[in-house]
């Protein structure tokens, strides 16, 4: 399996949309009564939280990548 970078914004978005699906599933099965408009703030709030988390993660990654200096400019062998 190929490795990829961790993206916390997508994790939060997926968790929120899964939770919204579970709420609708519970309402459809009669486990509880959920009005149709209750999901809208949940999904919008979760997507906004995912966006803020994704932007924060991107800013952290950019800050870390700017601090490292390549070794190839120091006269040594270039990294593969």
PDB file of N, CA and C in Angstrom:
ATOM      1  N   UNK A   1       0.835  -1.169   0.000  1.00  0.00           N
ATOM      2  CA  UNK A   1       0.000   0.000   0.000  1.00  0.00           C
ATOM      3  C   UNK A   1       0.888   1.244   0.000  1.00  0.00           C
ATOM      4  N   UNK A   2       0.583   2.185  -0.872  1.00  0.00           N
ATOM      5  CA  UNK A   2       1.355   3.408  -0.943  1.00  0.00           C
ATOM      6  C   UNK A   2       1.038   4.304   0.241  1.00  0.00           C
ATOM      7  N   UNK A   3       2.057   4.945   0.750  1.00  0.00           N
ATOM      8  CA  UNK A   3       1.848   5.865   1.864  1.00  0.00           C
ATOM      9  C   UNK A   3       1.477   7.235   1.322  1.00  0.00           C
ATOM     10  N   UNK A   4       0.666   7.933   2.064  1.00  0.00           N
ATOM     11  CA  UNK A   4       0.260   9.278   1.682  1.00  0.00           C
ATOM     12  C   UNK A   4       0.260  10.146   2.927  1.00  0.00           C
ATOM     13  N   UNK A   5       0.216  11.451   2.705  1.00  0.00           N
ATOM     14  CA  UNK A   5       0.221  12.347   3.850  1.00  0.00           C
ATOM     15  C   UNK A   5      -1.140  12.338   4.549  1.00  0.00           C
ATOM     16  N   UNK A   6      -1.108  12.523   5.833  1.00  0.00           N
ATOM     17  CA  UNK A   6      -2.319  12.546   6.645  1.00  0.00           C
ATOM     18  C   UNK A   6      -3.045  13.861   6.420  1.00  0.00           C
ATOM     19  N   UNK A   7      -4.336  13.800   6.143  1.00  0.00           N
ATOM     20  CA  UNK A   7      -5.134  14.995   5.912  1.00  0.00           C
ATOM     21  C   UNK A   7      -6.281  15.043   6.919  1.00  0.00           C
ATOM     22  N   UNK A   8      -6.081  15.773   8.023  1.00  0.00           N
ATOM     23  CA  UNK A   8      -7.080  15.778   9.090  1.00  0.00           C
ATOM     24  C   UNK A   8      -8.397  16.432   8.685  1.00  0.00           C
ATOM     25  N   UNK A   9      -8.370  17.369   7.754  1.00  0.00           N
ATOM     26  CA  UNK A   9      -9.613  18.002   7.313  1.00  0.00           C
ATOM     27  C   UNK A   9     -10.547  17.013   6.640  1.00  0.00           C
ATOM     28  N   UNK A  10      -9.992  16.147   5.818  1.00  0.00           N
ATOM     29  CA  UNK A  10     -10.813  15.131   5.159  1.00  0.00           C
ATOM     30  C   UNK A  10     -11.325  14.101   6.159  1.00  0.00           C
ATOM     31  N   UNK A  11     -10.537  13.818   7.179  1.00  0.00           N
ATOM     32  CA  UNK A  11     -10.981  12.896   8.224  1.00  0.00           C
ATOM     33  C   UNK A  11     -12.193  13.463   8.959  1.00  0.00           C
ATOM     34  N   UNK A  12     -12.134  14.738   9.310  1.00  0.00           N
ATOM     35  CA  UNK A  12     -13.249  15.366  10.017  1.00  0.00           C
ATOM     36  C   UNK A  12     -14.482  15.437   9.121  1.00  0.00           C
ATOM     37  N   UNK A  13     -14.294  15.812   7.860  1.00  0.00           N
ATOM     38  CA  UNK A  13     -15.432  15.888   6.937  1.00  0.00           C
ATOM     39  C   UNK A  13     -16.096  14.522   6.783  1.00  0.00           C
ATOM     40  N   UNK A  14     -15.306  13.482   6.646  1.00  0.00           N
ATOM     41  CA  UNK A  14     -15.862  12.138   6.522  1.00  0.00           C
ATOM     42  C   UNK A  14     -16.591  11.697   7.775  1.00  0.00           C
ATOM     43  N   UNK A  15     -16.036  12.026   8.937  1.00  0.00           N
ATOM     44  CA  UNK A  15     -16.685  11.647  10.197  1.00  0.00           C
ATOM     45  C   UNK A  15     -18.012  12.373  10.379  1.00  0.00           C
ATOM     46  N   UNK A  16     -18.048  13.649  10.034  1.00  0.00           N
ATOM     47  CA  UNK A  16     -19.288  14.417  10.184  1.00  0.00           C
ATOM     48  C   UNK A  16     -20.356  13.917   9.222  1.00  0.00           C
ATOM     49  N   UNK A  17     -19.991  13.653   7.980  1.00  0.00           N
ATOM     50  CA  UNK A  17     -20.977  13.171   7.013  1.00  0.00           C
ATOM     51  C   UNK A  17     -21.442  11.759   7.356  1.00  0.00           C
ATOM     52  N   UNK A  18     -20.558  10.944   7.915  1.00  0.00           N
ATOM     53  CA  UNK A  18     -20.967   9.620   8.375  1.00  0.00           C
ATOM     54  C   UNK A  18     -21.945   9.730   9.548  1.00  0.00           C
ATOM     55  N   UNK A  19     -21.663  10.650  10.461  1.00  0.00           N
ATOM     56  CA  UNK A  19     -22.566  10.861  11.597  1.00  0.00           C
ATOM     57  C   UNK A  19     -23.926  11.363  11.117  1.00  0.00           C
ATOM     58  N   UNK A  20     -23.947  12.231  10.118  1.00  0.00           N
ATOM     59  CA  UNK A  20     -25.223  12.707   9.574  1.00  0.00           C
ATOM     60  C   UNK A  20     -25.996  11.549   8.941  1.00  0.00           C
ATOM     61  N   UNK A  21     -25.292  10.665   8.275  1.00  0.00           N
ATOM     62  CA  UNK A  21     -25.941   9.487   7.703  1.00  0.00           C
ATOM     63  C   UNK A  21     -26.514   8.574   8.772  1.00  0.00           C
ATOM     64  N   UNK A  22     -25.800   8.424   9.876  1.00  0.00           N
ATOM     65  CA  UNK A  22     -26.285   7.589  10.976  1.00  0.00           C
ATOM     66  C   UNK A  22     -27.530   8.211  11.610  1.00  0.00           C
ATOM     67  N   UNK A  23     -27.527   9.527  11.733  1.00  0.00           N
ATOM     68  CA  UNK A  23     -28.710  10.206  12.294  1.00  0.00           C
ATOM     69  C   UNK A  23     -29.910  10.002  11.382  1.00  0.00           C
ATOM     70  N   UNK A  24     -29.734  10.159  10.087  1.00  0.00           N
ATOM     71  CA  UNK A  24     -30.839   9.922   9.154  1.00  0.00           C
ATOM     72  C   UNK A  24     -31.276   8.464   9.159  1.00  0.00           C
ATOM     73  N   UNK A  25     -30.335   7.550   9.256  1.00  0.00           N
ATOM     74  CA  UNK A  25     -30.665   6.128   9.304  1.00  0.00           C
ATOM     75  C   UNK A  25     -31.478   5.800  10.551  1.00  0.00           C
ATOM     76  N   UNK A  26     -31.087   6.368  11.685  1.00  0.00           N
ATOM     77  CA  UNK A  26     -31.842   6.150  12.919  1.00  0.00           C
ATOM     78  C   UNK A  26     -33.245   6.731  12.843  1.00  0.00           C
ATOM     79  N   UNK A  27     -33.359   7.879  12.201  1.00  0.00           N
ATOM     80  CA  UNK A  27     -34.683   8.486  12.043  1.00  0.00           C
ATOM     81  C   UNK A  27     -35.538   7.668  11.081  1.00  0.00           C
ATOM     82  N   UNK A  28     -34.932   7.120  10.050  1.00  0.00           N
ATOM     83  CA  UNK A  28     -35.690   6.325   9.078  1.00  0.00           C
ATOM     84  C   UNK A  28     -36.164   5.007   9.686  1.00  0.00           C
ATOM     85  N   UNK A  29     -35.371   4.436  10.578  1.00  0.00           N
ATOM     86  CA  UNK A  29     -35.750   3.178  11.216  1.00  0.00           C
ATOM     87  C   UNK A  29     -36.703   3.376  12.391  1.00  0.00           C
ATOM     88  N   UNK A  30     -36.940   4.608  12.771  1.00  0.00           N
ATOM     89  CA  UNK A  30     -37.853   4.879  13.876  1.00  0.00           C
ATOM     90  C   UNK A  30     -37.200   4.823  15.239  1.00  0.00           C
ATOM     91  N   UNK A  31     -35.877   4.782  15.305  1.00  0.00           N
ATOM     92  CA  UNK A  31     -35.190   4.746  16.592  1.00  0.00           C
ATOM     93  C   UNK A  31     -35.350   6.069  17.339  1.00  0.00           C
ATOM     94  N   UNK A  32     -35.387   7.172  16.616  1.00  0.00           N
ATOM     95  CA  UNK A  32     -35.624   8.483  17.191  1.00  0.00           C
ATOM     96  C   UNK A  32     -36.223   9.385  16.128  1.00  0.00           C
ATOM     97  N   UNK A  33     -36.770  10.490  16.554  1.00  0.00           N
ATOM     98  CA  UNK A  33     -37.392  11.446  15.627  1.00  0.00           C
ATOM     99  C   UNK A  33     -36.438  12.617  15.414  1.00  0.00           C
ATOM    100  N   UNK A  34     -36.029  12.802  14.189  1.00  0.00           N
ATOM    101  CA  UNK A  34     -35.122  13.893  13.842  1.00  0.00           C
ATOM    102  C   UNK A  34     -35.783  14.754  12.772  1.00  0.00           C
ATOM    103  N   UNK A  35     -35.962  16.040  13.030  1.00  0.00           N
ATOM    104  CA  UNK A  35     -36.520  16.901  11.983  1.00  0.00           C
ATOM    105  C   UNK A  35     -35.524  17.042  10.825  1.00  0.00           C
ATOM    106  N   UNK A  36     -36.058  17.244   9.632  1.00  0.00           N
ATOM    107  CA  UNK A  36     -35.198  17.269   8.459  1.00  0.00           C
ATOM    108  C   UNK A  36     -34.196  18.408   8.497  1.00  0.00           C
ATOM    109  N   UNK A  37     -34.540  19.513   9.149  1.00  0.00           N
ATOM    110  CA  UNK A  37     -33.657  20.677   9.161  1.00  0.00           C
ATOM    111  C   UNK A  37     -32.559  20.597  10.221  1.00  0.00           C
ATOM    112  N   UNK A  38     -32.544  19.576  11.037  1.00  0.00           N
ATOM    113  CA  UNK A  38     -31.524  19.451  12.079  1.00  0.00           C
ATOM    114  C   UNK A  38     -30.166  19.053  11.501  1.00  0.00           C
ATOM    115  N   UNK A  39     -30.162  18.437  10.350  1.00  0.00           N
ATOM    116  CA  UNK A  39     -28.913  17.969   9.757  1.00  0.00           C
ATOM    117  C   UNK A  39     -28.134  19.113   9.111  1.00  0.00           C
ATOM    118  N   UNK A  40     -28.844  20.133   8.644  1.00  0.00           N
ATOM    119  CA  UNK A  40     -28.187  21.229   7.922  1.00  0.00           C
ATOM    120  C   UNK A  40     -27.121  21.920   8.780  1.00  0.00           C
ATOM    121  N   UNK A  41     -27.406  22.352  10.011  1.00  0.00           N
ATOM    122  CA  UNK A  41     -26.343  22.969  10.815  1.00  0.00           C
ATOM    123  C   UNK A  41     -25.219  21.989  11.151  1.00  0.00           C
ATOM    124  N   UNK A  42     -25.580  20.724  11.336  1.00  0.00           N
ATOM    125  CA  UNK A  42     -24.558  19.724  11.652  1.00  0.00           C
ATOM    126  C   UNK A  42     -23.574  19.570  10.494  1.00  0.00           C
ATOM    127  N   UNK A  43     -24.086  19.450   9.285  1.00  0.00           N
ATOM    128  CA  UNK A  43     -23.218  19.272   8.116  1.00  0.00           C
ATOM    129  C   UNK A  43     -22.444  20.547   7.821  1.00  0.00           C
ATOM    130  N   UNK A  44     -23.107  21.696   7.863  1.00  0.00           N
ATOM    131  CA  UNK A  44     -22.416  22.962   7.578  1.00  0.00           C
ATOM    132  C   UNK A  44     -21.331  23.253   8.619  1.00  0.00           C
ATOM    133  N   UNK A  45     -21.654  23.045   9.865  1.00  0.00           N
ATOM    134  CA  UNK A  45     -20.658  23.248  10.916  1.00  0.00           C
ATOM    135  C   UNK A  45     -19.484  22.292  10.795  1.00  0.00           C
ATOM    136  N   UNK A  46     -19.781  21.047  10.475  1.00  0.00           N
ATOM    137  CA  UNK A  46     -18.708  20.066  10.314  1.00  0.00           C
ATOM    138  C   UNK A  46     -17.815  20.362   9.127  1.00  0.00           C
ATOM    139  N   UNK A  47     -18.415  20.806   8.020  1.00  0.00           N
ATOM    140  CA  UNK A  47     -17.605  21.150   6.851  1.00  0.00           C
ATOM    141  C   UNK A  47     -16.767  22.399   7.091  1.00  0.00           C
ATOM    142  N   UNK A  48     -17.310  23.361   7.853  1.00  0.00           N
ATOM    143  CA  UNK A  48     -16.515  24.542   8.214  1.00  0.00           C
ATOM    144  C   UNK A  48     -15.360  24.158   9.131  1.00  0.00           C
ATOM    145  N   UNK A  49     -15.616  23.282  10.084  1.00  0.00           N
ATOM    146  CA  UNK A  49     -14.558  22.805  10.966  1.00  0.00           C
ATOM    147  C   UNK A  49     -13.495  22.046  10.172  1.00  0.00           C
ATOM    148  N   UNK A  50     -13.909  21.250   9.201  1.00  0.00           N
ATOM    149  CA  UNK A  50     -12.962  20.525   8.358  1.00  0.00           C
ATOM    150  C   UNK A  50     -12.119  21.481   7.525  1.00  0.00           C
ATOM    151  N   UNK A  51     -12.729  22.551   7.030  1.00  0.00           N
ATOM    152  CA  UNK A  51     -11.983  23.536   6.244  1.00  0.00           C
ATOM    153  C   UNK A  51     -10.932  24.244   7.095  1.00  0.00           C
ATOM    154  N   UNK A  52     -11.311  24.644   8.297  1.00  0.00           N
ATOM    155  CA  UNK A  52     -10.358  25.316   9.191  1.00  0.00           C
ATOM    156  C   UNK A  52      -9.226  24.363   9.559  1.00  0.00           C
ATOM    157  N   UNK A  53      -9.556  23.113   9.828  1.00  0.00           N
ATOM    158  CA  UNK A  53      -8.532  22.125  10.171  1.00  0.00           C
ATOM    159  C   UNK A  53      -7.590  21.885   8.995  1.00  0.00           C
ATOM    160  N   UNK A  54      -8.141  21.790   7.796  1.00  0.00           N
ATOM    161  CA  UNK A  54      -7.315  21.591   6.613  1.00  0.00           C
ATOM    162  C   UNK A  54      -6.394  22.769   6.355  1.00  0.00           C
ATOM    163  N   UNK A  55      -6.901  23.983   6.529  1.00  0.00           N
ATOM    164  CA  UNK A  55      -6.057  25.167   6.343  1.00  0.00           C
ATOM    165  C   UNK A  55      -4.955  25.241   7.405  1.00  0.00           C
ATOM    166  N   UNK A  56      -5.284  24.877   8.625  1.00  0.00           N
ATOM    167  CA  UNK A  56      -4.268  24.880   9.689  1.00  0.00           C
ATOM    168  C   UNK A  56      -3.190  23.833   9.409  1.00  0.00           C
ATOM    169  N   UNK A  57      -3.598  22.659   8.953  1.00  0.00           N
ATOM    170  CA  UNK A  57      -2.623  21.618   8.636  1.00  0.00           C
ATOM    171  C   UNK A  57      -1.730  22.037   7.478  1.00  0.00           C
ATOM    172  N   UNK A  58      -2.317  22.710   6.496  1.00  0.00           N
ATOM    173  CA  UNK A  58      -1.521  23.180   5.355  1.00  0.00           C
ATOM    174  C   UNK A  58      -0.518  24.241   5.794  1.00  0.00           C
ATOM    175  N   UNK A  59      -0.945  25.148   6.669  1.00  0.00           N
ATOM    176  CA  UNK A  59      -0.044  26.184   7.163  1.00  0.00           C
ATOM    177  C   UNK A  59       1.103  25.571   7.967  1.00  0.00           C
ATOM    178  N   UNK A  60       0.804  24.557   8.754  1.00  0.00           N
ATOM    179  CA  UNK A  60       1.847  23.890   9.537  1.00  0.00           C
ATOM    180  C   UNK A  60       2.832  23.190   8.616  1.00  0.00           C
ATOM    181  N   UNK A  61       2.318  22.509   7.575  1.00  0.00           N
ATOM    182  CA  UNK A  61       3.217  21.835   6.640  1.00  0.00           C
ATOM    183  C   UNK A  61       4.105  22.813   5.892  1.00  0.00           C
ATOM    184  N   UNK A  62       3.541  23.948   5.472  1.00  0.00           N
ATOM    185  CA  UNK A  62       4.339  24.951   4.766  1.00  0.00           C
ATOM    186  C   UNK A  62       5.401  25.539   5.683  1.00  0.00           C
ATOM    187  N   UNK A  63       5.057  25.740   6.940  1.00  0.00           N
ATOM    188  CA  UNK A  63       6.025  26.280   7.892  1.00  0.00           C
ATOM    189  C   UNK A  63       7.174  25.320   8.140  1.00  0.00           C
ATOM    190  N   UNK A  64       6.880  24.037   8.193  1.00  0.00           N
ATOM    191  CA  UNK A  64       7.933  23.046   8.412  1.00  0.00           C
ATOM    192  C   UNK A  64       8.811  22.867   7.193  1.00  0.00           C
ATOM    193  N   UNK A  65       8.221  22.919   5.999  1.00  0.00           N
ATOM    194  CA  UNK A  65       9.011  22.701   4.788  1.00  0.00           C
ATOM    195  C   UNK A  65       9.919  23.888   4.506  1.00  0.00           C
ATOM    196  N   UNK A  66       9.575  25.075   4.966  1.00  0.00           N
ATOM    197  CA  UNK A  66      10.401  26.252   4.744  1.00  0.00           C
ATOM    198  C   UNK A  66      11.641  26.277   5.610  1.00  0.00           C
ATOM    199  N   UNK A  67      11.632  25.544   6.718  1.00  0.00           N
ATOM    200  CA  UNK A  67      12.773  25.543   7.632  1.00  0.00           C
ATOM    201  C   UNK A  67      13.889  24.600   7.218  1.00  0.00           C
ATOM    202  N   UNK A  68      13.568  23.568   6.466  1.00  0.00           N
ATOM    203  CA  UNK A  68      14.588  22.601   6.091  1.00  0.00           C
ATOM    204  C   UNK A  68      15.358  23.100   4.881  1.00  0.00           C
ATOM    205  N   UNK A  69      16.653  22.877   4.882  1.00  0.00           N
ATOM    206  CA  UNK A  69      17.498  23.303   3.779  1.00  0.00           C
ATOM    207  C   UNK A  69      18.020  22.064   3.062  1.00  0.00           C
ATOM    208  N   UNK A  70      18.055  22.095   1.737  1.00  0.00           N
ATOM    209  CA  UNK A  70      18.557  20.936   1.004  1.00  0.00           C
ATOM    210  C   UNK A  70      20.050  20.751   1.222  1.00  0.00           C
ATOM    211  N   UNK A  71      20.484  19.514   1.248  1.00  0.00           N
ATOM    212  CA  UNK A  71      21.890  19.203   1.454  1.00  0.00           C
ATOM    213  C   UNK A  71      22.708  19.311   0.169  1.00  0.00           C
ATOM    214  N   UNK A  72      22.076  19.349  -0.985  1.00  0.00           N
ATOM    215  CA  UNK A  72      22.798  19.347  -2.240  1.00  0.00           C
ATOM    216  C   UNK A  72      23.597  20.625  -2.465  1.00  0.00           C
ATOM    217  N   UNK A  73      23.254  21.745  -1.843  1.00  0.00           N
ATOM    218  CA  UNK A  73      23.959  22.993  -2.038  1.00  0.00           C
ATOM    219  C   UNK A  73      25.218  23.121  -1.194  1.00  0.00           C
ATOM    220  N   UNK A  74      25.536  22.167  -0.347  1.00  0.00           N
ATOM    221  CA  UNK A  74      26.686  22.247   0.552  1.00  0.00           C
ATOM    222  C   UNK A  74      27.921  21.542   0.007  1.00  0.00           C
ATOM    223  N   UNK A  75      27.894  21.191  -1.237  1.00  0.00           N
ATOM    224  CA  UNK A  75      29.071  20.551  -1.816  1.00  0.00           C
ATOM    225  C   UNK A  75      29.069  19.044  -1.697  1.00  0.00           C
ATOM    226  N   UNK A  76      28.106  18.485  -1.023  1.00  0.00           N
ATOM    227  CA  UNK A  76      28.022  17.041  -0.888  1.00  0.00           C
ATOM    228  C   UNK A  76      27.277  16.439  -2.063  1.00  0.00           C
ATOM    229  N   UNK A  77      27.121  15.133  -2.014  1.00  0.00           N
ATOM    230  CA  UNK A  77      26.382  14.444  -3.061  1.00  0.00           C
ATOM    231  C   UNK A  77      24.898  14.752  -2.933  1.00  0.00           C
ATOM    232  N   UNK A  78      24.251  14.868  -4.055  1.00  0.00           N
ATOM    233  CA  UNK A  78      22.811  15.154  -4.047  1.00  0.00           C
ATOM    234  C   UNK A  78      22.050  13.925  -3.558  1.00  0.00           C
ATOM    235  N   UNK A  79      21.001  14.189  -2.816  1.00  0.00           N
ATOM    236  CA  UNK A  79      20.183  13.089  -2.304  1.00  0.00           C
ATOM    237  C   UNK A  79      19.380  12.485  -3.457  1.00  0.00           C
ATOM    238  N   UNK A  80      19.193  11.171  -3.447  1.00  0.00           N
ATOM    239  CA  UNK A  80      18.436  10.550  -4.550  1.00  0.00           C
ATOM    240  C   UNK A  80      16.980  10.882  -4.526  1.00  0.00           C
TER     241      UNK A  80
END
